[in-house]
Amino acid sequence: MFSPNEMNTFPTRKALIVANPAAGTMRTKILAELTVLCRTRLERVDIRLTTRRGDTRDIVRAALDAPEATAPDLVIAVGGDGTVGEVIAGMTAGLRPAGAALAIVPAGTGNSGYRMLWGCRPWQESVRAALVGPAGAERRIVDLALLIETGTLVCLGACSGVIAQALETARGIPLTGPARYARALADTAETFTAYPGRVTVDGAVCHEGETVFANVGGGRIRGGQYLVLPLSVPDDGLLDVCAVGGEVHPTQVAELTLTGSHLRRPGVVYARGRTIRVERLDGLPLCYEHDGELQSAGGPAMTLEVLPAMIPVWGALPAEGAAA
């Protein structure tokens, strides 16, 4: 139960809970506990369950376009990074900055977005922060990115090479949570061959040659545990990029990115900019993913452009090491 003092510390009054029943670690008790937690504090709580890929965006947009008396000021995404991405797409439809704030309840395989904001803190603690705004939490307005080739939003980031190809391998691995992707990355790395690539930041080439992977975005963590972009700040108005060249063997990627120590290795380039382009130079389609979703075969490049200050989110104070 919340105390009277807690009830008055932050003006959240109405919440929309959007839950994906098919998420990797989703359990009925998560939604039940979340519902009780919210209804104890808020004037109005609406719950919507997704039924298919793509309907999340419409659910969120319809709720936010409702009259002010019923429109939520907090949207809680219950699911994995894919669910979070669809919720954000609904909150920012038409590339409009979101008015409502976002909170995340991690129930997916990797949950990289939640870990970026809260580290390993329990979701109950993070939701309570979004409801009452206690010390140790803050409301930040974070950046997103636009994938130029498809016109879609990117929330955490996009990555080519071995990290992307591991998602294909993961489909055949009967594990759940971060262990599934860890196994897939290890298996993929054994036979992966670096591709001829180039990375351009605001028109200047920062990497060209053999490429193991190139990751672009604002999210520090990928795959639920890998610090691929350890220096990234999600609200600085810039995109980070890390390109790993052929000097690093693919089988070393997992161990190095667990701690961010890949940045000290020869052949690794780290840069920031507003527009970042990743290309494959041999004429073959570039294999890449964004926000944990492997993209269909297309052209030889992906281009990301930063969209500054797009969505308010709740997260731990930076000093508390939310990305650890």
C-alpha atoms as a PDB file:
ATOM      1  CA  MET A   1       0.000   0.000   0.000  1.00  0.00           C
ATOM      2  CA  PHE A   2       1.222   3.505  -0.815  1.00  0.00           C
ATOM      3  CA  SER A   3       1.352   6.119   1.932  1.00  0.00           C
ATOM      4  CA  PRO A   4      -0.503   9.478   1.569  1.00  0.00           C
ATOM      5  CA  ASN A   5       2.831  11.249   1.060  1.00  0.00           C
ATOM      6  CA  GLU A   6       3.774   8.916  -1.789  1.00  0.00           C
ATOM      7  CA  MET A   7       0.388   9.459  -3.401  1.00  0.00           C
ATOM      8  CA  ASN A   8       1.115  13.155  -3.961  1.00  0.00           C
ATOM      9  CA  THR A   9       4.745  13.152  -5.117  1.00  0.00           C
ATOM     10  CA  PHE A  10       4.179  12.712  -8.868  1.00  0.00           C
ATOM     11  CA  PRO A  11       1.144  13.507 -11.018  1.00  0.00           C
ATOM     12  CA  THR A  12       0.700  10.152 -12.749  1.00  0.00           C
ATOM     13  CA  ARG A  13      -3.021   9.459 -12.752  1.00  0.00           C
ATOM     14  CA  LYS A  14      -3.897   7.181 -15.665  1.00  0.00           C
ATOM     15  CA  ALA A  15      -1.970   4.217 -17.047  1.00  0.00           C
ATOM     16  CA  LEU A  16      -2.281   1.949 -20.048  1.00  0.00           C
ATOM     17  CA  ILE A  17      -0.762  -1.508 -19.579  1.00  0.00           C
ATOM     18  CA  VAL A  18       0.088  -3.219 -22.880  1.00  0.00           C
ATOM     19  CA  ALA A  19       1.117  -6.841 -22.382  1.00  0.00           C
ATOM     20  CA  ASN A  20       2.379  -9.396 -24.889  1.00  0.00           C
ATOM     21  CA  PRO A  21       1.186 -12.864 -23.752  1.00  0.00           C
ATOM     22  CA  ALA A  22       3.665 -14.506 -26.142  1.00  0.00           C
ATOM     23  CA  ALA A  23       6.759 -12.741 -24.753  1.00  0.00           C
ATOM     24  CA  GLY A  24       9.690 -15.002 -23.908  1.00  0.00           C
ATOM     25  CA  THR A  25       9.408 -14.962 -20.093  1.00  0.00           C
ATOM     26  CA  MET A  26       5.815 -13.750 -19.714  1.00  0.00           C
ATOM     27  CA  ARG A  27       3.888 -15.219 -16.764  1.00  0.00           C
ATOM     28  CA  THR A  28       0.277 -14.620 -15.717  1.00  0.00           C
ATOM     29  CA  LYS A  29       1.347 -13.606 -12.219  1.00  0.00           C
ATOM     30  CA  ILE A  30       3.420 -10.716 -13.623  1.00  0.00           C
ATOM     31  CA  LEU A  31       0.365  -9.054 -15.123  1.00  0.00           C
ATOM     32  CA  ALA A  32      -1.735  -9.756 -12.021  1.00  0.00           C
ATOM     33  CA  GLU A  33       0.844  -8.228  -9.677  1.00  0.00           C
ATOM     34  CA  LEU A  34       1.353  -5.227 -11.951  1.00  0.00           C
ATOM     35  CA  THR A  35      -2.389  -4.592 -12.140  1.00  0.00           C
ATOM     36  CA  VAL A  36      -2.754  -4.564  -8.351  1.00  0.00           C
ATOM     37  CA  LEU A  37       0.269  -2.284  -7.993  1.00  0.00           C
ATOM     38  CA  CYS A  38      -1.160   0.238 -10.453  1.00  0.00           C
ATOM     39  CA  ARG A  39      -4.753   0.167  -9.247  1.00  0.00           C
ATOM     40  CA  THR A  40      -3.565   0.836  -5.700  1.00  0.00           C
ATOM     41  CA  ARG A  41      -2.076   4.122  -6.869  1.00  0.00           C
ATOM     42  CA  LEU A  42      -3.887   5.380  -9.953  1.00  0.00           C
ATOM     43  CA  GLU A  43      -7.292   6.759 -10.811  1.00  0.00           C
ATOM     44  CA  ARG A  44      -7.577   4.713 -14.006  1.00  0.00           C
ATOM     45  CA  VAL A  45      -5.801   1.616 -15.309  1.00  0.00           C
ATOM     46  CA  ASP A  46      -6.586   0.104 -18.705  1.00  0.00           C
ATOM     47  CA  ILE A  47      -5.169  -3.272 -19.733  1.00  0.00           C
ATOM     48  CA  ARG A  48      -4.733  -4.442 -23.307  1.00  0.00           C
ATOM     49  CA  LEU A  49      -3.297  -7.779 -24.472  1.00  0.00           C
ATOM     50  CA  THR A  50      -1.655  -7.988 -27.871  1.00  0.00           C
ATOM     51  CA  THR A  51      -2.881 -10.681 -30.238  1.00  0.00           C
ATOM     52  CA  ARG A  52      -0.520 -10.388 -33.182  1.00  0.00           C
ATOM     53  CA  ARG A  53       2.586  -8.582 -34.309  1.00  0.00           C
ATOM     54  CA  GLY A  54       1.799  -5.011 -35.250  1.00  0.00           C
ATOM     55  CA  ASP A  55      -1.385  -4.472 -33.254  1.00  0.00           C
ATOM     56  CA  THR A  56       0.493  -2.980 -30.287  1.00  0.00           C
ATOM     57  CA  ARG A  57       1.149   0.245 -32.163  1.00  0.00           C
ATOM     58  CA  ASP A  58      -2.550   0.686 -32.950  1.00  0.00           C
ATOM     59  CA  ILE A  59      -3.589  -0.093 -29.362  1.00  0.00           C
ATOM     60  CA  VAL A  60      -1.261   2.547 -27.956  1.00  0.00           C
ATOM     61  CA  ARG A  61      -2.071   5.200 -30.544  1.00  0.00           C
ATOM     62  CA  ALA A  62      -5.822   4.785 -30.037  1.00  0.00           C
ATOM     63  CA  ALA A  63      -5.443   5.160 -26.277  1.00  0.00           C
ATOM     64  CA  LEU A  64      -3.321   8.300 -26.554  1.00  0.00           C
ATOM     65  CA  ASP A  65      -5.705   9.855 -29.096  1.00  0.00           C
ATOM     66  CA  ALA A  66      -8.665   9.370 -26.741  1.00  0.00           C
ATOM     67  CA  PRO A  67     -10.208  12.345 -24.893  1.00  0.00           C
ATOM     68  CA  GLU A  68      -8.068  13.841 -22.148  1.00  0.00           C
ATOM     69  CA  ALA A  69     -10.288  12.348 -19.443  1.00  0.00           C
ATOM     70  CA  THR A  70      -9.294   8.810 -20.459  1.00  0.00           C
ATOM     71  CA  ALA A  71      -5.942   9.185 -22.282  1.00  0.00           C
ATOM     72  CA  PRO A  72      -3.057   7.734 -20.230  1.00  0.00           C
ATOM     73  CA  ASP A  73      -0.114   9.772 -18.968  1.00  0.00           C
ATOM     74  CA  LEU A  74       1.879   6.568 -18.424  1.00  0.00           C
ATOM     75  CA  VAL A  75       2.199   3.613 -20.820  1.00  0.00           C
ATOM     76  CA  ILE A  76       3.605   0.383 -19.332  1.00  0.00           C
ATOM     77  CA  ALA A  77       5.026  -2.105 -21.833  1.00  0.00           C
ATOM     78  CA  VAL A  78       5.033  -5.709 -20.573  1.00  0.00           C
ATOM     79  CA  GLY A  79       7.166  -7.899 -22.799  1.00  0.00           C
ATOM     80  CA  GLY A  80      10.529  -7.974 -24.512  1.00  0.00           C
ATOM     81  CA  ASP A  81      12.427  -5.460 -26.600  1.00  0.00           C
ATOM     82  CA  GLY A  82      10.174  -6.129 -29.591  1.00  0.00           C
ATOM     83  CA  THR A  83       7.081  -5.260 -27.566  1.00  0.00           C
ATOM     84  CA  VAL A  84       8.757  -2.128 -26.213  1.00  0.00           C
ATOM     85  CA  GLY A  85       9.639  -1.077 -29.747  1.00  0.00           C
ATOM     86  CA  GLU A  86       6.041  -1.441 -30.923  1.00  0.00           C
ATOM     87  CA  VAL A  87       4.770   0.514 -27.910  1.00  0.00           C
ATOM     88  CA  ILE A  88       7.203   3.324 -28.681  1.00  0.00           C
ATOM     89  CA  ALA A  89       6.106   3.309 -32.325  1.00  0.00           C
ATOM     90  CA  GLY A  90       2.552   3.888 -31.151  1.00  0.00           C
ATOM     91  CA  MET A  91       3.583   6.611 -28.725  1.00  0.00           C
ATOM     92  CA  THR A  92       5.513   8.479 -31.420  1.00  0.00           C
ATOM     93  CA  ALA A  93       3.300   7.855 -34.466  1.00  0.00           C
ATOM     94  CA  GLY A  94       3.989  10.359 -37.187  1.00  0.00           C
ATOM     95  CA  LEU A  95       7.410  10.949 -35.618  1.00  0.00           C
ATOM     96  CA  ARG A  96       5.792  13.173 -33.012  1.00  0.00           C
ATOM     97  CA  PRO A  97       7.502  13.364 -29.597  1.00  0.00           C
ATOM     98  CA  ALA A  98       5.486  11.434 -27.041  1.00  0.00           C
ATOM     99  CA  GLY A  99       3.485  13.222 -24.359  1.00  0.00           C
ATOM    100  CA  ALA A 100       2.934  10.248 -22.074  1.00  0.00           C
ATOM    101  CA  ALA A 101       5.872   8.595 -20.335  1.00  0.00           C
ATOM    102  CA  LEU A 102       7.037   5.007 -20.792  1.00  0.00           C
ATOM    103  CA  ALA A 103       7.735   2.362 -18.169  1.00  0.00           C
ATOM    104  CA  ILE A 104       8.905  -1.181 -18.915  1.00  0.00           C
ATOM    105  CA  VAL A 105       8.156  -4.484 -17.214  1.00  0.00           C
ATOM    106  CA  PRO A 106      10.720  -6.963 -18.596  1.00  0.00           C
ATOM    107  CA  ALA A 107       9.129 -10.195 -19.811  1.00  0.00           C
ATOM    108  CA  GLY A 108      11.130 -10.977 -22.939  1.00  0.00           C
ATOM    109  CA  THR A 109      14.243 -12.898 -23.884  1.00  0.00           C
ATOM    110  CA  GLY A 110      16.923 -10.211 -23.634  1.00  0.00           C
ATOM    111  CA  ASN A 111      15.180  -7.203 -22.056  1.00  0.00           C
ATOM    112  CA  SER A 112      18.027  -4.923 -23.112  1.00  0.00           C
ATOM    113  CA  GLY A 113      15.891  -1.790 -22.897  1.00  0.00           C
ATOM    114  CA  TYR A 114      14.958  -2.459 -19.295  1.00  0.00           C
ATOM    115  CA  ARG A 115      18.531  -3.288 -18.330  1.00  0.00           C
ATOM    116  CA  MET A 116      19.780  -0.087 -19.932  1.00  0.00           C
ATOM    117  CA  LEU A 117      17.422   1.919 -17.714  1.00  0.00           C
ATOM    118  CA  TRP A 118      17.363  -0.104 -14.503  1.00  0.00           C
ATOM    119  CA  GLY A 119      20.170  -2.647 -14.502  1.00  0.00           C
ATOM    120  CA  CYS A 120      19.146  -5.674 -12.455  1.00  0.00           C
ATOM    121  CA  ARG A 121      16.708  -3.892 -10.139  1.00  0.00           C
ATOM    122  CA  PRO A 122      13.345  -5.692  -9.735  1.00  0.00           C
ATOM    123  CA  TRP A 123      10.572  -4.494 -12.035  1.00  0.00           C
ATOM    124  CA  GLN A 124       8.294  -3.862  -9.073  1.00  0.00           C
ATOM    125  CA  GLU A 125      10.739  -1.221  -7.864  1.00  0.00           C
ATOM    126  CA  SER A 126      10.929   0.481 -11.248  1.00  0.00           C
ATOM    127  CA  VAL A 127       7.140   0.588 -11.671  1.00  0.00           C
ATOM    128  CA  ARG A 128       6.741   2.033  -8.192  1.00  0.00           C
ATOM    129  CA  ALA A 129       9.197   4.761  -9.214  1.00  0.00           C
ATOM    130  CA  ALA A 130       7.128   5.564 -12.292  1.00  0.00           C
ATOM    131  CA  LEU A 131       4.005   5.804 -10.161  1.00  0.00           C
ATOM    132  CA  VAL A 132       5.288   7.855  -7.257  1.00  0.00           C
ATOM    133  CA  GLY A 133       8.649   9.277  -8.386  1.00  0.00           C
ATOM    134  CA  PRO A 134      10.815   8.450  -5.342  1.00  0.00           C
ATOM    135  CA  ALA A 135      14.472   9.285  -4.841  1.00  0.00           C
ATOM    136  CA  GLY A 136      16.725   7.102  -6.951  1.00  0.00           C
ATOM    137  CA  ALA A 137      14.742   7.434 -10.184  1.00  0.00           C
ATOM    138  CA  GLU A 138      14.337  10.033 -12.892  1.00  0.00           C
ATOM    139  CA  ARG A 139      12.179  10.831 -15.890  1.00  0.00           C
ATOM    140  CA  ARG A 140      14.389  11.360 -18.966  1.00  0.00           C
ATOM    141  CA  ILE A 141      13.440  12.286 -22.520  1.00  0.00           C
ATOM    142  CA  VAL A 142      15.494   9.947 -24.672  1.00  0.00           C
ATOM    143  CA  ASP A 143      16.434   9.898 -28.347  1.00  0.00           C
ATOM    144  CA  LEU A 144      15.320   7.454 -31.001  1.00  0.00           C
ATOM    145  CA  ALA A 145      16.589   6.816 -34.523  1.00  0.00           C
ATOM    146  CA  LEU A 146      15.027   6.566 -37.957  1.00  0.00           C
ATOM    147  CA  LEU A 147      16.083   3.758 -40.279  1.00  0.00           C
ATOM    148  CA  ILE A 148      16.100   5.607 -43.583  1.00  0.00           C
ATOM    149  CA  GLU A 149      15.836   2.563 -45.864  1.00  0.00           C
ATOM    150  CA  THR A 150      12.526   1.413 -44.331  1.00  0.00           C
ATOM    151  CA  GLY A 151      11.217   4.544 -42.612  1.00  0.00           C
ATOM    152  CA  THR A 152      10.896   2.686 -39.301  1.00  0.00           C
ATOM    153  CA  LEU A 153      11.833   3.745 -35.792  1.00  0.00           C
ATOM    154  CA  VAL A 154      14.811   2.215 -34.014  1.00  0.00           C
ATOM    155  CA  CYS A 155      14.790   2.266 -30.227  1.00  0.00           C
ATOM    156  CA  LEU A 156      17.842   0.417 -28.877  1.00  0.00           C
ATOM    157  CA  GLY A 157      19.919   0.104 -31.991  1.00  0.00           C
ATOM    158  CA  ALA A 158      20.696  -1.735 -35.205  1.00  0.00           C
ATOM    159  CA  CYS A 159      23.545  -4.131 -35.833  1.00  0.00           C
ATOM    160  CA  SER A 160      25.094  -5.954 -38.764  1.00  0.00           C
ATOM    161  CA  GLY A 161      27.313  -9.017 -38.924  1.00  0.00           C
ATOM    162  CA  VAL A 162      27.724 -11.754 -36.364  1.00  0.00           C
ATOM    163  CA  ILE A 163      25.389 -10.184 -33.798  1.00  0.00           C
ATOM    164  CA  ALA A 164      22.579 -10.017 -36.351  1.00  0.00           C
ATOM    165  CA  GLN A 165      23.221 -13.461 -37.803  1.00  0.00           C
ATOM    166  CA  ALA A 166      23.022 -14.979 -34.307  1.00  0.00           C
ATOM    167  CA  LEU A 167      19.313 -14.121 -34.220  1.00  0.00           C
ATOM    168  CA  GLU A 168      18.747 -16.563 -37.078  1.00  0.00           C
ATOM    169  CA  THR A 169      20.657 -19.250 -35.178  1.00  0.00           C
ATOM    170  CA  ALA A 170      18.623 -18.550 -32.013  1.00  0.00           C
ATOM    171  CA  ARG A 171      15.414 -19.673 -33.687  1.00  0.00           C
ATOM    172  CA  GLY A 172      16.555 -23.275 -33.446  1.00  0.00           C
ATOM    173  CA  ILE A 173      17.817 -23.210 -29.839  1.00  0.00           C
ATOM    174  CA  PRO A 174      15.398 -24.554 -27.167  1.00  0.00           C
ATOM    175  CA  LEU A 175      16.435 -22.165 -24.399  1.00  0.00           C
ATOM    176  CA  THR A 176      14.883 -19.015 -22.937  1.00  0.00           C
ATOM    177  CA  GLY A 177      16.168 -15.666 -21.699  1.00  0.00           C
ATOM    178  CA  PRO A 178      19.703 -14.364 -22.273  1.00  0.00           C
ATOM    179  CA  ALA A 179      21.047 -17.940 -22.323  1.00  0.00           C
ATOM    180  CA  ARG A 180      19.343 -18.511 -25.661  1.00  0.00           C
ATOM    181  CA  TYR A 181      21.093 -15.646 -27.396  1.00  0.00           C
ATOM    182  CA  ALA A 182      24.413 -16.394 -25.682  1.00  0.00           C
ATOM    183  CA  ARG A 183      24.344 -19.915 -27.088  1.00  0.00           C
ATOM    184  CA  ALA A 184      23.327 -18.627 -30.513  1.00  0.00           C
ATOM    185  CA  LEU A 185      26.126 -16.061 -30.594  1.00  0.00           C
ATOM    186  CA  ALA A 186      28.715 -18.660 -29.638  1.00  0.00           C
ATOM    187  CA  ASP A 187      27.489 -21.110 -32.285  1.00  0.00           C
ATOM    188  CA  THR A 188      27.312 -18.442 -34.999  1.00  0.00           C
ATOM    189  CA  ALA A 189      30.765 -17.089 -34.230  1.00  0.00           C
ATOM    190  CA  GLU A 190      32.378 -20.470 -34.845  1.00  0.00           C
ATOM    191  CA  THR A 191      31.721 -20.316 -38.581  1.00  0.00           C
ATOM    192  CA  PHE A 192      31.165 -16.591 -39.196  1.00  0.00           C
ATOM    193  CA  THR A 193      33.310 -14.845 -41.808  1.00  0.00           C
ATOM    194  CA  ALA A 194      33.879 -11.087 -41.645  1.00  0.00           C
ATOM    195  CA  TYR A 195      32.341  -9.179 -44.529  1.00  0.00           C
ATOM    196  CA  PRO A 196      33.855  -6.254 -46.511  1.00  0.00           C
ATOM    197  CA  GLY A 197      32.233  -3.192 -45.006  1.00  0.00           C
ATOM    198  CA  ARG A 198      32.331   0.541 -44.518  1.00  0.00           C
ATOM    199  CA  VAL A 199      30.945   2.809 -41.768  1.00  0.00           C
ATOM    200  CA  THR A 200      30.348   6.506 -42.395  1.00  0.00           C
ATOM    201  CA  VAL A 201      29.567   9.038 -39.653  1.00  0.00           C
ATOM    202  CA  ASP A 202      28.109  12.373 -40.784  1.00  0.00           C
ATOM    203  CA  GLY A 203      29.692  11.886 -44.194  1.00  0.00           C
ATOM    204  CA  ALA A 204      33.172  10.893 -42.979  1.00  0.00           C
ATOM    205  CA  VAL A 205      34.431   7.296 -43.263  1.00  0.00           C
ATOM    206  CA  CYS A 206      35.517   5.945 -39.865  1.00  0.00           C
ATOM    207  CA  HIS A 207      35.934   2.271 -40.801  1.00  0.00           C
ATOM    208  CA  GLU A 208      36.514   0.372 -44.022  1.00  0.00           C
ATOM    209  CA  GLY A 209      37.608  -3.235 -44.454  1.00  0.00           C
ATOM    210  CA  GLU A 210      36.800  -6.597 -42.897  1.00  0.00           C
ATOM    211  CA  THR A 211      33.862  -6.191 -40.534  1.00  0.00           C
ATOM    212  CA  VAL A 212      32.727  -8.577 -37.805  1.00  0.00           C
ATOM    213  CA  PHE A 213      29.881  -6.296 -36.787  1.00  0.00           C
ATOM    214  CA  ALA A 214      28.833  -2.644 -36.745  1.00  0.00           C
ATOM    215  CA  ASN A 215      26.337  -1.574 -34.076  1.00  0.00           C
ATOM    216  CA  VAL A 216      24.533   1.777 -34.211  1.00  0.00           C
ATOM    217  CA  GLY A 217      22.164   3.332 -31.690  1.00  0.00           C
ATOM    218  CA  GLY A 218      21.638   4.742 -28.231  1.00  0.00           C
ATOM    219  CA  GLY A 219      21.230   1.557 -26.196  1.00  0.00           C
ATOM    220  CA  ARG A 220      24.353   0.455 -24.351  1.00  0.00           C
ATOM    221  CA  ILE A 221      23.242  -3.166 -23.969  1.00  0.00           C
ATOM    222  CA  ARG A 222      22.254  -5.677 -26.646  1.00  0.00           C
ATOM    223  CA  GLY A 223      21.200  -9.275 -26.222  1.00  0.00           C
ATOM    224  CA  GLY A 224      20.334  -8.605 -22.591  1.00  0.00           C
ATOM    225  CA  GLN A 225      23.934  -8.606 -21.393  1.00  0.00           C
ATOM    226  CA  TYR A 226      26.442  -7.365 -23.987  1.00  0.00           C
ATOM    227  CA  LEU A 227      27.856  -3.850 -23.523  1.00  0.00           C
ATOM    228  CA  VAL A 228      28.272  -3.232 -27.229  1.00  0.00           C
ATOM    229  CA  LEU A 229      27.984   0.571 -26.889  1.00  0.00           C
ATOM    230  CA  PRO A 230      29.231   1.130 -23.326  1.00  0.00           C
ATOM    231  CA  LEU A 231      29.776   4.888 -23.771  1.00  0.00           C
ATOM    232  CA  SER A 232      26.334   5.650 -25.145  1.00  0.00           C
ATOM    233  CA  VAL A 233      24.129   8.287 -23.503  1.00  0.00           C
ATOM    234  CA  PRO A 234      20.465   7.876 -24.527  1.00  0.00           C
ATOM    235  CA  ASP A 235      19.571  11.580 -24.381  1.00  0.00           C
ATOM    236  CA  ASP A 236      22.607  13.393 -25.844  1.00  0.00           C
ATOM    237  CA  GLY A 237      21.125  13.977 -29.307  1.00  0.00           C
ATOM    238  CA  LEU A 238      23.665  11.670 -30.972  1.00  0.00           C
ATOM    239  CA  LEU A 239      23.944   8.087 -32.172  1.00  0.00           C
ATOM    240  CA  ASP A 240      26.907   5.936 -31.171  1.00  0.00           C
ATOM    241  CA  VAL A 241      28.529   3.422 -33.480  1.00  0.00           C
ATOM    242  CA  CYS A 242      31.004   0.629 -32.783  1.00  0.00           C
ATOM    243  CA  ALA A 243      32.615  -1.143 -35.727  1.00  0.00           C
ATOM    244  CA  VAL A 244      34.662  -4.274 -35.029  1.00  0.00           C
ATOM    245  CA  GLY A 245      37.162  -5.165 -37.736  1.00  0.00           C
ATOM    246  CA  GLY A 246      38.719  -8.435 -38.790  1.00  0.00           C
ATOM    247  CA  GLU A 247      41.510  -8.072 -36.201  1.00  0.00           C
ATOM    248  CA  VAL A 248      38.989  -9.401 -33.651  1.00  0.00           C
ATOM    249  CA  HIS A 249      37.978 -13.027 -34.171  1.00  0.00           C
ATOM    250  CA  PRO A 250      34.198 -13.544 -34.078  1.00  0.00           C
ATOM    251  CA  THR A 251      34.557 -16.063 -31.228  1.00  0.00           C
ATOM    252  CA  GLN A 252      35.984 -13.273 -29.045  1.00  0.00           C
ATOM    253  CA  VAL A 253      32.984 -10.989 -29.426  1.00  0.00           C
ATOM    254  CA  ALA A 254      30.862 -12.404 -26.606  1.00  0.00           C
ATOM    255  CA  GLU A 255      33.589 -12.330 -23.960  1.00  0.00           C
ATOM    256  CA  LEU A 256      34.843  -8.872 -24.924  1.00  0.00           C
ATOM    257  CA  THR A 257      31.429  -7.199 -25.096  1.00  0.00           C
ATOM    258  CA  LEU A 258      30.300  -8.587 -21.748  1.00  0.00           C
ATOM    259  CA  THR A 259      32.573  -6.018 -20.120  1.00  0.00           C
ATOM    260  CA  GLY A 260      33.018  -3.462 -22.893  1.00  0.00           C
ATOM    261  CA  SER A 261      36.698  -4.359 -23.179  1.00  0.00           C
ATOM    262  CA  HIS A 262      36.408  -4.659 -26.970  1.00  0.00           C
ATOM    263  CA  LEU A 263      36.937  -0.891 -27.156  1.00  0.00           C
ATOM    264  CA  ARG A 264      40.595  -1.411 -26.238  1.00  0.00           C
ATOM    265  CA  ARG A 265      41.280  -3.898 -29.031  1.00  0.00           C
ATOM    266  CA  PRO A 266      43.021  -3.079 -32.352  1.00  0.00           C
ATOM    267  CA  GLY A 267      40.601  -2.873 -35.233  1.00  0.00           C
ATOM    268  CA  VAL A 268      37.714  -1.505 -33.135  1.00  0.00           C
ATOM    269  CA  VAL A 269      36.376   1.962 -33.967  1.00  0.00           C
ATOM    270  CA  TYR A 270      33.956   3.928 -31.783  1.00  0.00           C
ATOM    271  CA  ALA A 271      32.337   7.187 -32.910  1.00  0.00           C
ATOM    272  CA  ARG A 272      29.279   9.426 -32.529  1.00  0.00           C
ATOM    273  CA  GLY A 273      27.203  11.379 -34.994  1.00  0.00           C
ATOM    274  CA  ARG A 274      23.756  12.373 -36.213  1.00  0.00           C
ATOM    275  CA  THR A 275      23.668  10.201 -39.351  1.00  0.00           C
ATOM    276  CA  ILE A 276      25.455   6.867 -39.536  1.00  0.00           C
ATOM    277  CA  ARG A 277      25.604   4.552 -42.553  1.00  0.00           C
ATOM    278  CA  VAL A 278      26.745   0.919 -42.507  1.00  0.00           C
ATOM    279  CA  GLU A 279      27.474  -0.688 -45.880  1.00  0.00           C
ATOM    280  CA  ARG A 280      28.468  -4.029 -47.332  1.00  0.00           C
ATOM    281  CA  LEU A 281      30.874  -3.492 -50.228  1.00  0.00           C
ATOM    282  CA  ASP A 282      30.752  -6.768 -52.164  1.00  0.00           C
ATOM    283  CA  GLY A 283      27.270  -6.249 -53.613  1.00  0.00           C
ATOM    284  CA  LEU A 284      25.552  -8.774 -51.331  1.00  0.00           C
ATOM    285  CA  PRO A 285      22.650  -7.795 -49.045  1.00  0.00           C
ATOM    286  CA  LEU A 286      23.675  -6.538 -45.614  1.00  0.00           C
ATOM    287  CA  CYS A 287      22.510  -8.867 -42.837  1.00  0.00           C
ATOM    288  CA  TYR A 288      21.285  -6.679 -39.973  1.00  0.00           C
ATOM    289  CA  GLU A 289      18.778  -6.448 -37.167  1.00  0.00           C
ATOM    290  CA  HIS A 290      17.225  -3.659 -35.183  1.00  0.00           C
ATOM    291  CA  ASP A 291      15.759  -3.902 -31.694  1.00  0.00           C
ATOM    292  CA  GLY A 292      16.274  -7.666 -31.694  1.00  0.00           C
ATOM    293  CA  GLU A 293      14.372  -8.312 -34.919  1.00  0.00           C
ATOM    294  CA  LEU A 294      16.270  -9.739 -37.893  1.00  0.00           C
ATOM    295  CA  GLN A 295      15.418  -7.774 -41.045  1.00  0.00           C
ATOM    296  CA  SER A 296      14.467  -9.329 -44.363  1.00  0.00           C
ATOM    297  CA  ALA A 297      17.118  -9.402 -47.052  1.00  0.00           C
ATOM    298  CA  GLY A 298      17.270  -6.024 -48.726  1.00  0.00           C
ATOM    299  CA  GLY A 299      19.948  -3.708 -49.989  1.00  0.00           C
ATOM    300  CA  PRO A 300      23.647  -3.406 -49.176  1.00  0.00           C
ATOM    301  CA  ALA A 301      23.314  -0.720 -46.468  1.00  0.00           C
ATOM    302  CA  MET A 302      21.456   0.613 -43.462  1.00  0.00           C
ATOM    303  CA  THR A 303      21.367   4.322 -42.613  1.00  0.00           C
ATOM    304  CA  LEU A 304      20.273   5.679 -39.246  1.00  0.00           C
ATOM    305  CA  GLU A 305      19.448   9.285 -38.425  1.00  0.00           C
ATOM    306  CA  VAL A 306      19.001  10.480 -34.843  1.00  0.00           C
ATOM    307  CA  LEU A 307      15.609  11.751 -33.642  1.00  0.00           C
ATOM    308  CA  PRO A 308      16.440  13.760 -30.517  1.00  0.00           C
ATOM    309  CA  ALA A 309      14.237  14.031 -27.406  1.00  0.00           C
ATOM    310  CA  MET A 310      11.405  11.789 -28.587  1.00  0.00           C
ATOM    311  CA  ILE A 311      10.053   9.924 -25.570  1.00  0.00           C
ATOM    312  CA  PRO A 312       9.968  10.355 -21.753  1.00  0.00           C
ATOM    313  CA  VAL A 313      11.053   7.207 -19.915  1.00  0.00           C
ATOM    314  CA  TRP A 314      11.561   6.264 -16.293  1.00  0.00           C
ATOM    315  CA  GLY A 315      14.981   4.968 -15.251  1.00  0.00           C
ATOM    316  CA  ALA A 316      17.449   4.769 -12.381  1.00  0.00           C
ATOM    317  CA  LEU A 317      19.686   7.715 -11.643  1.00  0.00           C
ATOM    318  CA  PRO A 318      22.956   7.430 -13.672  1.00  0.00           C
ATOM    319  CA  ALA A 319      25.021   7.400 -10.482  1.00  0.00           C
ATOM    320  CA  GLU A 320      23.358   4.150  -9.477  1.00  0.00           C
ATOM    321  CA  GLY A 321      24.839   2.344 -12.479  1.00  0.00           C
ATOM    322  CA  ALA A 322      21.644   1.331 -14.211  1.00  0.00           C
ATOM    323  CA  ALA A 323      23.557  -0.149 -17.119  1.00  0.00           C
ATOM    324  CA  ALA A 324      25.702  -2.456 -15.018  1.00  0.00           C
END
